[in-house]
Protein backbone atom coordinates (compact mmCIF):
# COMPACT_ATOMS: atom_id res chain seq x y z
CA MET A 1 192.61 99.44 11.19
CA ALA A 2 196.07 99.28 12.09
CA GLU A 3 198.20 99.83 13.94
CA GLY A 4 199.39 103.43 13.95
CA VAL A 5 196.83 104.56 12.14
CA MET A 6 193.42 106.26 13.97
CA GLU A 7 190.90 106.56 11.99
CA VAL A 8 189.13 109.95 12.58
CA THR A 9 185.99 111.54 12.56
CA SER A 10 183.71 114.55 12.56
CA SER A 11 183.38 114.01 15.89
CA THR A 12 187.10 114.29 16.64
CA TRP A 13 188.28 116.11 13.89
CA ASP A 14 189.28 118.72 16.17
CA LYS A 15 190.75 116.87 18.90
CA GLU A 16 193.14 114.35 16.80
CA VAL A 17 194.03 116.15 14.47
CA LEU A 18 193.71 120.61 14.57
CA GLN A 19 195.20 120.77 18.60
CA THR A 20 197.96 118.57 18.48
CA GLY A 21 201.28 120.32 18.00
CA GLU A 22 202.36 117.38 15.81
CA LEU A 23 203.06 116.87 12.78
CA VAL A 24 199.19 114.86 11.31
CA MET A 25 199.16 113.33 7.79
CA VAL A 26 195.54 112.53 7.33
CA ASP A 27 194.25 109.95 4.71
CA PHE A 28 190.87 111.00 3.33
CA TRP A 29 189.32 107.81 1.93
CA ALA A 30 186.61 105.47 1.06
CA VAL A 31 186.08 101.77 0.53
CA TRP A 32 184.85 101.73 -3.22
CA CYS A 33 188.24 102.96 -3.93
CA GLY A 34 190.70 101.28 -5.52
CA PRO A 35 193.37 103.59 -5.31
CA CYS A 36 192.93 104.27 -1.70
CA ARG A 37 193.27 100.75 -1.07
CA MET A 38 196.95 100.95 -2.83
CA VAL A 39 198.10 103.13 -0.72
CA ALA A 40 196.73 102.18 2.31
CA PRO A 41 199.72 99.71 2.95
CA THR A 42 202.27 102.52 2.35
CA VAL A 43 200.54 104.77 4.84
CA GLU A 44 200.75 102.19 7.14
CA GLU A 45 204.11 101.43 6.98
CA LEU A 46 204.72 105.49 7.00
CA SER A 47 203.20 105.69 10.62
CA ARG A 48 205.02 102.85 12.02
CA GLU A 49 208.61 104.23 10.32
CA TYR A 50 207.49 107.83 11.76
CA ALA A 51 205.94 106.94 15.08
CA GLY A 52 207.11 109.51 17.22
CA LYS A 53 207.88 112.15 15.16
CA LEU A 54 204.48 111.36 12.99
CA LYS A 55 201.08 110.98 13.38
CA VAL A 56 199.11 108.83 11.24
CA VAL A 57 195.41 109.44 11.14
CA LYS A 58 192.26 108.13 8.17
CA LEU A 59 188.86 109.89 7.32
CA ASN A 60 186.18 108.10 5.05
CA THR A 61 184.99 111.38 3.22
CA ASP A 62 181.72 108.77 2.76
CA ASP A 63 181.27 108.80 6.31
CA ASN A 64 182.14 112.70 6.91
CA PRO A 65 181.33 114.87 4.51
CA ASP A 66 181.70 117.76 6.33
CA ILE A 67 185.55 117.58 6.61
CA ALA A 68 185.75 116.64 2.67
CA SER A 69 184.02 119.96 1.78
CA ARG A 70 185.49 121.72 4.82
CA TYR A 71 188.93 121.18 2.87
CA LYS A 72 187.82 120.91 -0.53
CA ILE A 73 188.70 117.08 -0.80
CA MET A 74 187.99 116.76 -4.81
CA GLY A 75 189.93 113.13 -5.14
CA ILE A 76 190.63 110.21 -3.41
CA PRO A 77 192.57 109.03 -2.29
CA THR A 78 194.13 112.98 -0.36
CA LEU A 79 196.78 112.87 2.27
CA MET A 80 197.37 115.71 3.92
CA PHE A 81 199.30 117.52 6.56
CA PHE A 82 198.50 119.85 9.49
CA LYS A 83 200.77 121.82 11.47
CA ASP A 84 199.58 123.69 14.53
CA GLY A 85 196.28 123.30 13.48
CA GLU A 86 196.92 124.49 9.57
CA LYS A 87 197.09 122.60 6.32
CA VAL A 88 200.42 122.87 5.48
CA GLU A 89 200.34 120.55 2.34
CA GLN A 90 198.66 117.75 0.21
CA ILE A 91 199.36 115.21 -2.35
CA VAL A 92 196.36 113.82 -4.21
CA GLY A 93 195.98 110.63 -5.31
CA ALA A 94 198.42 106.94 -4.88
CA VAL A 95 201.79 108.17 -5.38
CA PRO A 96 205.30 105.88 -4.36
CA LYS A 97 206.37 105.75 -1.00
CA PRO A 98 209.62 107.31 -1.53
CA GLN A 99 207.50 110.39 -2.81
CA LEU A 100 205.31 110.72 0.57
CA GLN A 101 208.79 109.99 2.62
CA ALA A 102 210.08 113.30 0.83
CA LYS A 103 207.32 114.98 1.55
CA ILE A 104 207.16 113.88 5.15
CA ASP A 105 211.31 114.34 6.16
CA THR A 106 210.86 118.12 4.55
CA LEU A 107 208.16 118.62 6.98
CA LEU A 108 209.81 117.67 9.57
CA GLY A 109 212.02 119.51 9.42
C-alpha cells in the first residue's frame, strides 16, 4: 500500500471511515479489476497532495463483501466520500485526476 493510503477492512471500517471527523475518500477496488489499477496511482497522488485535509483509504471488495453490499457497490472502481460518518458523494469508474480534484475541492469547501 502506498504511503498515505490505508487499507481498511470490515473490522476497521467504522473506526477509520465512519468515526473520523475529516473528509474520507474510499477507493473500492479488487485485484482483478483493470480500471482499479489504472486509477490507483491517481488515488495515491491525491493522498499526498491533500495530506492533512483528506484521509484516503482502500477497501478490497472481494475481501470485504459486507461493506461493498452495504453501500450497494455495483461497479468498481468506486470512489466514495464520507464526512462525519455520512456518505456525501460517489464517483463510479476510472475518472481523470482533474475531475477528482474538483470534487475534493468542492467537498473541502
